[in-house]
């Protein structure tokens, strides 16, 4: 059985100062238009009651509301809440695949994809050369063997309460050179049109700067599948 694919919405809170998640609220309808299957395939989580109402306004079902999260998470919900949601999913299901809204599904996950998720007993992250937080969590997987590490990460001394920095605090120092922690061609980081070249027939997700690129990205994937050389 494949792990759940989860996504969420939570207020942007830093040091107790609350701001609405304007960027994510604009991404969700665009993501649903680009990825209609997300409506059925994503298990959607809400950081508080307001977020739950906003999710439901898009016609989505809220699976769980995390208004019972610890105060240390709620005071820095951006982005400790995402980390907390993922830790819950790990406890609930034993594994999970988190999918940010600013992604394009190029092909549905299959047995090969899930096999890579579970390979080597390592979490899987998006690799971006020189990325400021080391790992990118736009699309990422973790399994039950990382529950204790996730627990420790909540207490890590990091420059800001970012889930990627929390993860980096409990990962090997040499992770950049460890392919077993990365998606490789399976997930492409597409921040410019030049990055379309990263999309291959074996790419499942693209983590994108602009969701309106979805059609062009799928066209590029089809063209490479028909002419792999």
N, C-alpha and C. Protein backbone atom coordinates (compact mmCIF):
# COMPACT_ATOMS: atom_id res chain seq x y z
N UNK A 1 0.85 -1.20 0.00
CA UNK A 1 0.00 0.00 0.00
C UNK A 1 0.88 1.25 0.00
N UNK A 2 0.63 2.19 -0.89
CA UNK A 2 1.47 3.39 -0.93
C UNK A 2 1.21 4.30 0.27
N UNK A 3 2.18 5.12 0.63
CA UNK A 3 1.97 6.06 1.73
C UNK A 3 1.02 7.16 1.32
N UNK A 4 0.44 7.89 2.28
CA UNK A 4 -0.43 9.01 1.92
C UNK A 4 0.39 10.15 1.32
N UNK A 5 -0.21 10.82 0.37
CA UNK A 5 0.34 12.06 -0.16
C UNK A 5 -0.36 13.19 0.58
N UNK A 6 0.40 13.99 1.32
CA UNK A 6 -0.21 15.00 2.18
C UNK A 6 0.20 16.41 1.75
N UNK A 7 -0.69 17.34 2.04
CA UNK A 7 -0.44 18.76 1.79
C UNK A 7 -1.14 19.52 2.91
N UNK A 8 -0.87 20.81 3.02
CA UNK A 8 -1.49 21.53 4.12
C UNK A 8 -1.54 23.03 3.91
N UNK A 9 -2.19 23.66 4.88
CA UNK A 9 -2.28 25.12 4.94
C UNK A 9 -2.22 25.51 6.40
N UNK A 10 -1.45 26.55 6.70
CA UNK A 10 -1.32 27.02 8.07
C UNK A 10 -0.98 28.50 8.03
N UNK A 11 -1.29 29.24 9.09
CA UNK A 11 -0.97 30.67 9.10
C UNK A 11 0.54 30.88 9.13
N UNK A 12 0.97 31.99 8.59
CA UNK A 12 2.39 32.33 8.58
C UNK A 12 2.68 33.06 9.89
N UNK A 13 3.22 32.31 10.85
CA UNK A 13 3.49 32.87 12.18
C UNK A 13 4.98 32.77 12.47
N UNK A 14 5.56 33.88 12.85
CA UNK A 14 6.95 33.92 13.31
C UNK A 14 7.00 34.69 14.62
N UNK A 15 7.50 34.03 15.67
CA UNK A 15 7.60 34.69 16.96
C UNK A 15 6.27 35.18 17.49
N UNK A 16 5.20 34.47 17.17
CA UNK A 16 3.87 34.84 17.64
C UNK A 16 3.17 35.89 16.81
N UNK A 17 3.85 36.46 15.82
CA UNK A 17 3.24 37.46 14.94
C UNK A 17 2.58 36.74 13.77
N UNK A 18 1.27 36.94 13.63
CA UNK A 18 0.49 36.17 12.66
C UNK A 18 0.25 36.97 11.39
N UNK A 19 0.51 36.32 10.26
CA UNK A 19 0.18 36.88 8.95
C UNK A 19 -0.59 35.82 8.17
N UNK A 20 -1.55 36.24 7.35
CA UNK A 20 -2.25 35.24 6.53
C UNK A 20 -1.31 34.64 5.50
N UNK A 21 -1.50 33.38 5.15
CA UNK A 21 -0.62 32.71 4.18
C UNK A 21 -1.01 33.08 2.75
N UNK A 22 -0.79 34.34 2.39
CA UNK A 22 -1.29 34.85 1.11
C UNK A 22 -0.75 34.07 -0.09
N UNK A 23 0.53 33.76 -0.07
CA UNK A 23 1.12 33.06 -1.22
C UNK A 23 0.47 31.69 -1.39
N UNK A 24 0.37 30.95 -0.30
CA UNK A 24 -0.22 29.61 -0.39
C UNK A 24 -1.69 29.68 -0.80
N UNK A 25 -2.41 30.67 -0.30
CA UNK A 25 -3.82 30.81 -0.66
C UNK A 25 -4.00 31.08 -2.15
N UNK A 26 -3.02 31.74 -2.75
CA UNK A 26 -3.09 31.96 -4.20
C UNK A 26 -2.64 30.72 -4.97
N UNK A 27 -1.76 29.93 -4.36
CA UNK A 27 -1.26 28.72 -5.03
C UNK A 27 -2.29 27.61 -5.09
N UNK A 28 -3.10 27.47 -4.05
CA UNK A 28 -3.99 26.31 -3.97
C UNK A 28 -4.95 26.22 -5.16
N UNK A 29 -5.71 27.28 -5.50
CA UNK A 29 -6.60 27.14 -6.66
C UNK A 29 -5.84 26.93 -7.96
N UNK A 30 -4.68 27.58 -8.10
CA UNK A 30 -3.87 27.39 -9.31
C UNK A 30 -3.35 25.96 -9.38
N UNK A 31 -2.97 25.40 -8.23
CA UNK A 31 -2.47 24.03 -8.19
C UNK A 31 -3.57 23.04 -8.53
N UNK A 32 -4.77 23.27 -8.02
CA UNK A 32 -5.90 22.38 -8.31
C UNK A 32 -6.28 22.44 -9.78
N UNK A 33 -6.16 23.63 -10.38
CA UNK A 33 -6.44 23.75 -11.82
C UNK A 33 -5.38 23.01 -12.64
N UNK A 34 -4.13 23.10 -12.20
CA UNK A 34 -3.03 22.44 -12.92
C UNK A 34 -3.00 20.94 -12.66
N UNK A 35 -3.47 20.55 -11.48
CA UNK A 35 -3.40 19.14 -11.05
C UNK A 35 -4.77 18.70 -10.52
N UNK A 36 -5.75 18.48 -11.37
CA UNK A 36 -7.09 18.11 -10.90
C UNK A 36 -7.10 16.89 -9.99
N UNK A 37 -6.16 15.98 -10.20
CA UNK A 37 -6.13 14.76 -9.38
C UNK A 37 -5.78 15.04 -7.92
N UNK A 38 -5.19 16.19 -7.64
CA UNK A 38 -4.86 16.53 -6.26
C UNK A 38 -6.12 16.56 -5.38
N UNK A 39 -7.26 16.89 -5.96
CA UNK A 39 -8.50 16.95 -5.18
C UNK A 39 -8.80 15.61 -4.50
N UNK A 40 -8.52 14.54 -5.20
CA UNK A 40 -8.80 13.21 -4.67
C UNK A 40 -7.58 12.55 -4.03
N UNK A 41 -6.40 12.91 -4.50
CA UNK A 41 -5.20 12.17 -4.10
C UNK A 41 -4.50 12.73 -2.87
N UNK A 42 -4.72 14.02 -2.56
CA UNK A 42 -4.02 14.62 -1.43
C UNK A 42 -4.85 14.54 -0.16
N UNK A 43 -4.20 14.17 0.92
CA UNK A 43 -4.78 14.23 2.24
C UNK A 43 -4.40 15.60 2.80
N UNK A 44 -5.40 16.47 2.97
CA UNK A 44 -5.13 17.89 3.25
C UNK A 44 -5.30 18.18 4.74
N UNK A 45 -4.30 18.85 5.30
CA UNK A 45 -4.23 19.15 6.73
C UNK A 45 -4.29 20.65 6.95
N UNK A 46 -4.86 21.07 8.08
CA UNK A 46 -5.02 22.49 8.40
C UNK A 46 -4.34 22.83 9.71
N UNK A 47 -3.64 23.96 9.73
CA UNK A 47 -2.94 24.36 10.94
C UNK A 47 -3.83 24.91 12.02
N UNK A 48 -4.99 25.48 11.65
CA UNK A 48 -5.95 26.00 12.62
C UNK A 48 -7.33 26.05 11.97
N UNK A 49 -8.32 26.51 12.72
CA UNK A 49 -9.69 26.52 12.21
C UNK A 49 -9.85 27.46 11.02
N UNK A 50 -9.15 28.59 11.05
CA UNK A 50 -9.22 29.52 9.93
C UNK A 50 -8.70 28.85 8.66
N UNK A 51 -7.56 28.17 8.78
CA UNK A 51 -6.99 27.47 7.63
C UNK A 51 -7.96 26.39 7.13
N UNK A 52 -8.62 25.71 8.06
CA UNK A 52 -9.58 24.67 7.67
C UNK A 52 -10.71 25.26 6.84
N UNK A 53 -11.24 26.41 7.27
CA UNK A 53 -12.32 27.05 6.53
C UNK A 53 -11.85 27.48 5.15
N UNK A 54 -10.61 27.96 5.07
CA UNK A 54 -10.06 28.38 3.78
C UNK A 54 -9.90 27.19 2.84
N UNK A 55 -9.44 26.06 3.37
CA UNK A 55 -9.29 24.85 2.57
C UNK A 55 -10.65 24.39 2.05
N UNK A 56 -11.64 24.38 2.94
CA UNK A 56 -12.98 23.93 2.55
C UNK A 56 -13.60 24.85 1.51
N UNK A 57 -13.23 26.13 1.53
CA UNK A 57 -13.75 27.08 0.54
C UNK A 57 -13.27 26.73 -0.87
N UNK A 58 -12.18 25.99 -0.97
CA UNK A 58 -11.70 25.52 -2.27
C UNK A 58 -12.34 24.19 -2.67
N UNK A 59 -13.29 23.72 -1.87
CA UNK A 59 -13.96 22.46 -2.17
C UNK A 59 -13.17 21.24 -1.76
N UNK A 60 -12.22 21.43 -0.87
CA UNK A 60 -11.39 20.32 -0.39
C UNK A 60 -11.86 19.85 0.98
N UNK A 61 -11.64 18.59 1.27
CA UNK A 61 -11.96 18.04 2.58
C UNK A 61 -10.74 18.17 3.49
N UNK A 62 -10.95 18.65 4.68
CA UNK A 62 -9.88 18.76 5.67
C UNK A 62 -9.82 17.46 6.47
N UNK A 63 -8.69 16.81 6.41
CA UNK A 63 -8.56 15.53 7.11
C UNK A 63 -8.34 15.71 8.60
N UNK A 64 -7.55 16.74 8.97
CA UNK A 64 -7.29 16.99 10.39
C UNK A 64 -6.91 18.44 10.60
N UNK A 65 -7.34 18.99 11.73
CA UNK A 65 -6.97 20.36 12.12
C UNK A 65 -5.99 20.27 13.29
N UNK A 66 -4.90 21.01 13.19
CA UNK A 66 -3.83 20.91 14.19
C UNK A 66 -3.85 22.08 15.17
N UNK A 67 -5.06 22.46 15.60
CA UNK A 67 -5.15 23.52 16.61
C UNK A 67 -4.73 23.01 17.99
N UNK A 68 -4.43 21.72 18.08
CA UNK A 68 -3.93 21.15 19.33
C UNK A 68 -2.41 21.01 19.33
N UNK A 69 -1.74 21.59 18.35
CA UNK A 69 -0.28 21.53 18.29
C UNK A 69 0.33 22.26 19.49
N UNK A 70 1.52 21.87 19.93
CA UNK A 70 2.16 22.55 21.06
C UNK A 70 2.36 24.04 20.78
N UNK A 71 2.40 24.82 21.83
CA UNK A 71 2.57 26.27 21.67
C UNK A 71 3.89 26.60 20.99
N UNK A 72 4.91 25.78 21.21
CA UNK A 72 6.21 26.02 20.56
C UNK A 72 6.13 25.87 19.05
N UNK A 73 5.17 25.09 18.59
CA UNK A 73 4.93 24.95 17.15
C UNK A 73 4.06 26.10 16.65
N UNK A 74 2.99 26.40 17.38
CA UNK A 74 2.04 27.42 16.92
C UNK A 74 2.66 28.81 16.90
N UNK A 75 3.60 29.09 17.80
CA UNK A 75 4.20 30.42 17.85
C UNK A 75 5.14 30.67 16.68
N UNK A 76 5.61 29.60 16.07
CA UNK A 76 6.47 29.68 14.89
C UNK A 76 5.95 28.74 13.80
N UNK A 77 4.67 28.88 13.50
CA UNK A 77 4.03 27.94 12.57
C UNK A 77 4.66 27.94 11.19
N UNK A 78 5.31 29.03 10.83
CA UNK A 78 6.04 29.09 9.55
C UNK A 78 7.52 28.77 9.81
N UNK A 79 7.97 27.52 9.63
CA UNK A 79 7.21 26.42 9.03
C UNK A 79 7.27 25.20 9.92
N UNK A 80 7.30 25.45 11.24
CA UNK A 80 7.28 24.32 12.17
C UNK A 80 5.98 23.53 12.06
N UNK A 81 4.90 24.21 11.67
CA UNK A 81 3.63 23.50 11.56
C UNK A 81 3.69 22.43 10.48
N UNK A 82 4.33 22.72 9.37
CA UNK A 82 4.50 21.71 8.32
C UNK A 82 5.27 20.51 8.89
N UNK A 83 6.32 20.79 9.64
CA UNK A 83 7.13 19.73 10.25
C UNK A 83 6.29 18.91 11.22
N UNK A 84 5.44 19.60 11.99
CA UNK A 84 4.58 18.92 12.96
C UNK A 84 3.54 18.05 12.25
N UNK A 85 2.97 18.56 11.18
CA UNK A 85 2.02 17.76 10.39
C UNK A 85 2.68 16.49 9.86
N UNK A 86 3.90 16.64 9.38
CA UNK A 86 4.61 15.49 8.84
C UNK A 86 4.96 14.49 9.94
N UNK A 87 5.30 15.00 11.11
CA UNK A 87 5.59 14.09 12.23
C UNK A 87 4.34 13.32 12.63
N UNK A 88 3.20 13.99 12.60
CA UNK A 88 1.93 13.31 12.87
C UNK A 88 1.68 12.21 11.83
N UNK A 89 1.90 12.53 10.56
CA UNK A 89 1.67 11.55 9.49
C UNK A 89 2.59 10.35 9.66
N UNK A 90 3.80 10.60 10.12
CA UNK A 90 4.75 9.51 10.35
C UNK A 90 4.22 8.58 11.45
N UNK A 91 3.66 9.17 12.49
CA UNK A 91 3.10 8.38 13.59
C UNK A 91 1.84 7.65 13.15
N UNK A 92 1.03 8.32 12.36
CA UNK A 92 -0.27 7.78 11.96
C UNK A 92 -0.17 6.70 10.90
N UNK A 93 0.74 6.90 9.95
CA UNK A 93 0.80 6.01 8.78
C UNK A 93 2.13 5.26 8.63
N UNK A 94 3.14 5.67 9.37
CA UNK A 94 4.44 5.01 9.26
C UNK A 94 5.32 5.55 8.16
N UNK A 95 4.75 6.36 7.28
CA UNK A 95 5.48 7.00 6.18
C UNK A 95 4.55 8.01 5.53
N UNK A 96 5.13 8.92 4.75
CA UNK A 96 4.31 9.92 4.07
C UNK A 96 5.09 10.51 2.91
N UNK A 97 4.35 11.12 1.99
CA UNK A 97 4.93 11.94 0.94
C UNK A 97 4.29 13.31 1.05
N UNK A 98 5.09 14.32 1.41
CA UNK A 98 4.57 15.69 1.45
C UNK A 98 4.68 16.29 0.05
N UNK A 99 3.63 17.00 -0.37
CA UNK A 99 3.60 17.64 -1.68
C UNK A 99 3.19 19.10 -1.50
N UNK A 100 4.10 20.04 -1.77
CA UNK A 100 3.75 21.45 -1.74
C UNK A 100 2.75 21.77 -2.85
N UNK A 101 2.01 22.86 -2.66
CA UNK A 101 1.03 23.26 -3.67
C UNK A 101 1.69 23.76 -4.96
N UNK A 102 2.90 24.30 -4.86
CA UNK A 102 3.56 24.83 -6.06
C UNK A 102 4.32 23.71 -6.79
N UNK A 103 3.59 22.66 -7.10
CA UNK A 103 4.15 21.51 -7.81
C UNK A 103 3.26 21.15 -8.99
N UNK A 104 3.85 20.48 -9.96
CA UNK A 104 3.11 19.96 -11.11
C UNK A 104 3.33 18.45 -11.16
N UNK A 105 2.24 17.72 -11.16
CA UNK A 105 2.31 16.26 -11.28
C UNK A 105 2.46 15.90 -12.75
N UNK A 106 3.59 15.33 -13.12
CA UNK A 106 3.86 14.97 -14.51
C UNK A 106 3.46 13.53 -14.81
N UNK A 107 3.55 12.68 -13.83
CA UNK A 107 3.08 11.30 -13.97
C UNK A 107 2.76 10.78 -12.58
N UNK A 108 1.71 9.99 -12.43
CA UNK A 108 1.33 9.54 -11.09
C UNK A 108 2.38 8.60 -10.51
N UNK A 109 2.63 8.69 -9.22
CA UNK A 109 3.56 7.77 -8.58
C UNK A 109 3.15 6.32 -8.83
N UNK A 110 4.14 5.49 -9.14
CA UNK A 110 3.89 4.08 -9.42
C UNK A 110 4.78 3.23 -8.50
N UNK A 111 4.80 1.94 -8.74
CA UNK A 111 5.58 1.05 -7.87
C UNK A 111 7.06 1.42 -7.86
N UNK A 112 7.57 1.83 -9.00
CA UNK A 112 8.98 2.22 -9.08
C UNK A 112 9.26 3.44 -8.20
N UNK A 113 8.36 4.42 -8.24
CA UNK A 113 8.51 5.63 -7.43
C UNK A 113 8.50 5.27 -5.94
N UNK A 114 7.50 4.49 -5.54
CA UNK A 114 7.41 4.15 -4.12
C UNK A 114 8.58 3.28 -3.67
N UNK A 115 9.08 2.46 -4.58
CA UNK A 115 10.25 1.64 -4.24
C UNK A 115 11.45 2.52 -3.94
N UNK A 116 11.62 3.60 -4.72
CA UNK A 116 12.73 4.51 -4.45
C UNK A 116 12.52 5.24 -3.13
N UNK A 117 11.28 5.64 -2.85
CA UNK A 117 10.99 6.27 -1.56
C UNK A 117 11.52 5.43 -0.42
N UNK A 118 11.26 4.13 -0.49
CA UNK A 118 11.58 3.24 0.62
C UNK A 118 13.00 2.68 0.57
N UNK A 119 13.69 2.92 -0.52
CA UNK A 119 15.04 2.38 -0.67
C UNK A 119 16.01 3.00 0.34
N UNK A 120 16.89 2.21 0.87
CA UNK A 120 17.99 2.63 1.75
C UNK A 120 17.53 3.11 3.12
N UNK A 121 16.22 3.16 3.39
CA UNK A 121 15.74 3.63 4.68
C UNK A 121 16.02 5.09 4.94
N UNK A 122 16.13 5.89 3.87
CA UNK A 122 16.45 7.31 4.01
C UNK A 122 15.29 8.17 3.54
N UNK A 123 15.13 9.38 4.12
CA UNK A 123 14.17 10.32 3.55
C UNK A 123 14.67 10.79 2.19
N UNK A 124 13.76 11.30 1.39
CA UNK A 124 14.11 11.76 0.04
C UNK A 124 13.72 13.23 -0.11
N UNK A 125 14.68 14.04 -0.59
CA UNK A 125 14.47 15.48 -0.72
C UNK A 125 14.80 15.95 -2.13
N UNK A 126 14.36 17.17 -2.44
CA UNK A 126 14.74 17.80 -3.70
C UNK A 126 16.14 18.37 -3.55
N UNK A 127 17.02 18.03 -4.48
CA UNK A 127 18.39 18.54 -4.43
C UNK A 127 18.51 19.79 -5.29
N UNK A 128 19.01 20.86 -4.67
CA UNK A 128 19.31 22.11 -5.38
C UNK A 128 20.75 22.47 -5.02
N UNK A 129 21.61 22.52 -5.99
CA UNK A 129 23.03 22.81 -5.74
C UNK A 129 23.18 24.13 -4.99
N UNK A 130 23.90 24.09 -3.86
CA UNK A 130 24.16 25.30 -3.09
C UNK A 130 22.96 25.85 -2.35
N UNK A 131 21.91 25.07 -2.20
CA UNK A 131 20.68 25.55 -1.55
C UNK A 131 20.96 25.97 -0.12
N UNK A 132 20.40 27.10 0.28
CA UNK A 132 20.72 27.72 1.57
C UNK A 132 20.39 26.82 2.76
N UNK A 133 19.35 25.99 2.63
CA UNK A 133 18.95 25.13 3.74
C UNK A 133 19.40 23.68 3.56
N UNK A 134 20.23 23.43 2.58
CA UNK A 134 20.76 22.09 2.25
C UNK A 134 19.71 21.23 1.57
N UNK A 135 18.59 20.94 2.26
CA UNK A 135 17.55 20.11 1.66
C UNK A 135 16.33 20.97 1.33
N UNK A 136 15.67 20.63 0.23
CA UNK A 136 14.44 21.31 -0.14
C UNK A 136 13.28 20.34 0.07
N UNK A 137 12.24 20.81 0.75
CA UNK A 137 11.12 19.96 1.13
C UNK A 137 9.87 20.22 0.30
N UNK A 138 10.04 20.70 -0.95
CA UNK A 138 8.88 20.93 -1.81
C UNK A 138 8.10 19.66 -2.07
N UNK A 139 8.81 18.58 -2.30
CA UNK A 139 8.25 17.23 -2.36
C UNK A 139 9.22 16.37 -1.56
N UNK A 140 8.75 15.75 -0.48
CA UNK A 140 9.69 14.90 0.26
C UNK A 140 8.98 13.74 0.94
N UNK A 141 9.78 12.70 1.16
CA UNK A 141 9.29 11.45 1.76
C UNK A 141 10.09 11.16 3.02
N UNK A 142 9.42 10.58 4.01
CA UNK A 142 10.12 10.04 5.18
C UNK A 142 9.37 8.81 5.67
N UNK A 143 10.13 7.86 6.22
CA UNK A 143 9.56 6.64 6.77
C UNK A 143 9.77 6.53 8.26
N UNK A 144 9.19 5.49 8.86
CA UNK A 144 9.10 5.37 10.31
C UNK A 144 10.45 5.39 11.01
N UNK A 145 11.51 4.99 10.33
CA UNK A 145 12.82 4.97 10.97
C UNK A 145 13.35 6.34 11.35
N UNK A 146 12.68 7.40 10.91
CA UNK A 146 13.16 8.76 11.16
C UNK A 146 12.32 9.50 12.20
N UNK A 147 11.46 8.78 12.90
CA UNK A 147 10.61 9.42 13.90
C UNK A 147 11.43 10.08 15.01
N UNK A 148 12.40 9.35 15.55
CA UNK A 148 13.21 9.90 16.64
C UNK A 148 14.01 11.11 16.18
N UNK A 149 14.55 11.05 14.97
CA UNK A 149 15.31 12.19 14.45
C UNK A 149 14.41 13.41 14.28
N UNK A 150 13.19 13.20 13.80
CA UNK A 150 12.26 14.33 13.67
C UNK A 150 11.96 14.92 15.03
N UNK A 151 11.76 14.08 16.03
CA UNK A 151 11.50 14.59 17.38
C UNK A 151 12.65 15.46 17.87
N UNK A 152 13.87 15.00 17.66
CA UNK A 152 15.05 15.77 18.09
C UNK A 152 15.15 17.09 17.34
N UNK A 153 14.75 17.08 16.09
CA UNK A 153 14.93 18.27 15.26
C UNK A 153 14.12 19.47 15.75
N UNK A 154 13.00 19.23 16.44
CA UNK A 154 12.19 20.34 16.92
C UNK A 154 12.94 21.21 17.93
N UNK A 155 13.95 20.65 18.58
CA UNK A 155 14.73 21.39 19.57
C UNK A 155 16.04 21.92 19.01
N UNK A 156 16.25 21.76 17.72
CA UNK A 156 17.51 22.20 17.12
C UNK A 156 17.63 23.73 17.16
N UNK A 157 18.86 24.19 17.36
CA UNK A 157 19.14 25.63 17.32
C UNK A 157 19.38 26.03 15.87
N UNK A 158 18.38 26.63 15.25
CA UNK A 158 18.49 27.03 13.84
C UNK A 158 18.22 28.52 13.71
N UNK A 159 18.69 29.09 12.61
CA UNK A 159 18.58 30.53 12.41
C UNK A 159 17.15 31.02 12.32
N UNK A 160 16.25 30.17 11.82
CA UNK A 160 14.83 30.48 11.78
C UNK A 160 14.06 29.17 11.85
N UNK A 161 12.80 29.21 12.28
CA UNK A 161 12.05 27.97 12.49
C UNK A 161 11.55 27.37 11.18
N UNK A 162 12.47 26.98 10.35
CA UNK A 162 12.16 26.47 9.02
C UNK A 162 12.27 24.96 9.02
N UNK A 163 11.30 24.27 8.42
CA UNK A 163 11.32 22.81 8.46
C UNK A 163 12.54 22.22 7.75
N UNK A 164 13.01 22.92 6.73
CA UNK A 164 14.19 22.42 6.01
C UNK A 164 15.44 22.50 6.88
N UNK A 165 15.58 23.58 7.64
CA UNK A 165 16.72 23.69 8.55
C UNK A 165 16.60 22.68 9.70
N UNK A 166 15.38 22.44 10.15
CA UNK A 166 15.19 21.43 11.19
C UNK A 166 15.62 20.06 10.69
N UNK A 167 15.24 19.73 9.47
CA UNK A 167 15.68 18.46 8.89
C UNK A 167 17.21 18.42 8.76
N UNK A 168 17.78 19.49 8.24
CA UNK A 168 19.23 19.51 8.03
C UNK A 168 19.99 19.27 9.33
N UNK A 169 19.39 19.67 10.45
CA UNK A 169 20.08 19.52 11.75
C UNK A 169 20.25 18.06 12.17
N UNK A 170 19.49 17.15 11.58
CA UNK A 170 19.58 15.74 11.99
C UNK A 170 20.00 14.83 10.84
N UNK A 171 20.43 15.41 9.75
CA UNK A 171 20.87 14.64 8.59
C UNK A 171 22.40 14.58 8.55
N UNK A 172 22.98 13.62 7.84
CA UNK A 172 24.44 13.52 7.77
C UNK A 172 25.08 14.78 7.19
N UNK A 173 26.23 15.14 7.71
CA UNK A 173 26.93 16.34 7.24
C UNK A 173 27.31 16.24 5.78
N UNK A 174 27.52 15.01 5.30
CA UNK A 174 27.94 14.82 3.91
C UNK A 174 26.77 14.47 2.99
N UNK A 175 25.57 14.88 3.36
CA UNK A 175 24.37 14.49 2.62
C UNK A 175 24.41 14.92 1.15
N UNK A 176 25.06 16.04 0.85
CA UNK A 176 25.09 16.52 -0.54
C UNK A 176 25.66 15.48 -1.49
N UNK A 177 26.57 14.66 -0.99
CA UNK A 177 27.18 13.63 -1.83
C UNK A 177 26.59 12.24 -1.63
N UNK A 178 25.43 12.18 -1.00
CA UNK A 178 24.79 10.89 -0.70
C UNK A 178 23.52 10.74 -1.55
N UNK A 179 23.60 10.12 -2.70
CA UNK A 179 22.44 10.05 -3.61
C UNK A 179 21.23 9.36 -3.01
N UNK A 180 21.42 8.56 -1.98
CA UNK A 180 20.28 7.84 -1.40
C UNK A 180 19.31 8.76 -0.66
N UNK A 181 19.69 10.04 -0.50
CA UNK A 181 18.80 11.01 0.16
C UNK A 181 18.06 11.91 -0.83
N UNK A 182 18.28 11.72 -2.11
CA UNK A 182 17.75 12.66 -3.10
C UNK A 182 16.82 11.98 -4.10
N UNK A 183 15.93 12.78 -4.68
CA UNK A 183 15.02 12.27 -5.70
C UNK A 183 15.71 12.00 -7.03
N UNK A 184 16.79 12.71 -7.32
CA UNK A 184 17.38 12.58 -8.64
C UNK A 184 16.40 13.08 -9.70
N UNK A 185 16.28 12.36 -10.80
CA UNK A 185 15.42 12.80 -11.90
C UNK A 185 13.94 12.71 -11.57
N UNK A 186 13.58 12.07 -10.48
CA UNK A 186 12.17 11.81 -10.17
C UNK A 186 11.40 13.08 -9.81
N UNK A 187 12.09 14.06 -9.25
CA UNK A 187 11.48 15.36 -8.93
C UNK A 187 12.41 16.44 -9.44
N UNK A 188 11.88 17.33 -10.27
CA UNK A 188 12.70 18.39 -10.87
C UNK A 188 12.38 19.74 -10.23
N UNK A 189 13.42 20.49 -9.93
CA UNK A 189 13.26 21.87 -9.47
C UNK A 189 13.26 22.75 -10.71
N UNK A 190 12.15 23.43 -10.97
CA UNK A 190 12.00 24.21 -12.20
C UNK A 190 11.69 25.66 -11.82
N UNK A 191 12.74 26.48 -11.78
CA UNK A 191 12.58 27.87 -11.35
C UNK A 191 12.71 28.84 -12.52
N UNK A 192 13.22 28.36 -13.65
CA UNK A 192 13.28 29.16 -14.88
C UNK A 192 12.90 28.25 -16.04
N UNK A 193 12.62 28.84 -17.19
CA UNK A 193 12.29 28.01 -18.35
C UNK A 193 13.50 27.18 -18.79
N UNK A 194 14.70 27.64 -18.51
CA UNK A 194 15.88 26.83 -18.82
C UNK A 194 15.86 25.51 -18.04
N UNK A 195 15.20 25.54 -16.87
CA UNK A 195 15.14 24.34 -16.04
C UNK A 195 14.21 23.27 -16.60
N UNK A 196 13.45 23.61 -17.65
CA UNK A 196 12.60 22.59 -18.28
C UNK A 196 13.45 21.41 -18.74
N UNK A 197 14.72 21.68 -19.02
CA UNK A 197 15.63 20.62 -19.48
C UNK A 197 15.81 19.54 -18.41
N UNK A 198 15.48 19.85 -17.16
CA UNK A 198 15.62 18.87 -16.09
C UNK A 198 14.50 17.83 -16.10
N UNK A 199 13.44 18.13 -16.83
CA UNK A 199 12.31 17.20 -16.89
C UNK A 199 12.63 16.07 -17.86
N UNK A 200 12.47 14.85 -17.39
CA UNK A 200 12.75 13.67 -18.21
C UNK A 200 11.53 12.75 -18.21
N UNK A 201 11.55 11.70 -19.02
CA UNK A 201 10.42 10.76 -18.98
C UNK A 201 10.21 10.12 -17.61
N UNK A 202 11.26 10.13 -16.78
CA UNK A 202 11.16 9.54 -15.45
C UNK A 202 10.85 10.53 -14.35
N UNK A 203 10.44 11.75 -14.71
CA UNK A 203 10.12 12.77 -13.72
C UNK A 203 8.65 12.68 -13.33
N UNK A 204 8.40 12.59 -12.04
CA UNK A 204 7.03 12.48 -11.53
C UNK A 204 6.46 13.83 -11.12
N UNK A 205 7.26 14.65 -10.45
CA UNK A 205 6.82 15.96 -9.99
C UNK A 205 7.81 17.02 -10.43
N UNK A 206 7.30 18.21 -10.69
CA UNK A 206 8.15 19.38 -10.86
C UNK A 206 7.76 20.39 -9.78
N UNK A 207 8.74 20.86 -9.04
CA UNK A 207 8.54 21.91 -8.04
C UNK A 207 8.82 23.22 -8.76
N UNK A 208 7.79 24.06 -8.92
CA UNK A 208 7.87 25.12 -9.91
C UNK A 208 7.73 26.52 -9.31
N UNK A 209 8.26 27.48 -10.05
CA UNK A 209 8.08 28.88 -9.68
C UNK A 209 6.73 29.39 -10.14
N UNK A 210 6.26 28.89 -11.29
CA UNK A 210 4.99 29.34 -11.86
C UNK A 210 4.13 28.13 -12.23
N UNK A 211 2.96 28.02 -11.61
CA UNK A 211 2.09 26.88 -11.90
C UNK A 211 1.52 26.93 -13.31
N UNK A 212 1.50 28.11 -13.92
CA UNK A 212 1.00 28.19 -15.30
C UNK A 212 1.93 27.52 -16.30
N UNK A 213 3.09 27.08 -15.84
CA UNK A 213 3.99 26.31 -16.71
C UNK A 213 3.54 24.86 -16.86
N UNK A 214 2.50 24.45 -16.17
CA UNK A 214 2.11 23.03 -16.12
C UNK A 214 1.96 22.43 -17.51
N UNK A 215 1.22 23.11 -18.39
CA UNK A 215 0.99 22.58 -19.74
C UNK A 215 2.28 22.41 -20.51
N UNK A 216 3.14 23.41 -20.45
CA UNK A 216 4.41 23.34 -21.18
C UNK A 216 5.32 22.27 -20.60
N UNK A 217 5.29 22.10 -19.28
CA UNK A 217 6.12 21.06 -18.66
C UNK A 217 5.65 19.67 -19.08
N UNK A 218 4.36 19.48 -19.12
CA UNK A 218 3.84 18.17 -19.54
C UNK A 218 4.16 17.91 -21.01
N UNK A 219 4.11 18.96 -21.81
CA UNK A 219 4.47 18.81 -23.22
C UNK A 219 5.94 18.42 -23.35
N UNK A 220 6.81 19.08 -22.55
CA UNK A 220 8.24 18.76 -22.59
C UNK A 220 8.48 17.31 -22.17
N UNK A 221 7.74 16.86 -21.15
CA UNK A 221 7.90 15.48 -20.70
C UNK A 221 7.46 14.49 -21.78
N UNK A 222 6.36 14.80 -22.46
CA UNK A 222 5.89 13.92 -23.53
C UNK A 222 6.88 13.86 -24.68
N UNK A 223 7.43 15.03 -25.04
CA UNK A 223 8.39 15.07 -26.14
C UNK A 223 9.64 14.26 -25.81
N UNK A 224 10.10 14.34 -24.57
CA UNK A 224 11.29 13.58 -24.20
C UNK A 224 10.99 12.09 -24.12
N UNK A 225 9.76 11.75 -23.78
CA UNK A 225 9.39 10.34 -23.74
C UNK A 225 9.35 9.74 -25.14
N UNK A 226 8.92 10.55 -26.13
CA UNK A 226 8.84 10.05 -27.50
C UNK A 226 10.17 10.13 -28.22
N UNK A 227 11.08 10.98 -27.69
CA UNK A 227 12.40 11.12 -28.30
C UNK A 227 13.45 11.21 -27.20
N UNK A 228 13.69 10.11 -26.50
CA UNK A 228 14.57 10.13 -25.33
C UNK A 228 16.00 10.51 -25.62
N UNK A 229 16.44 10.46 -26.87
CA UNK A 229 17.82 10.80 -27.20
C UNK A 229 17.94 12.24 -27.67
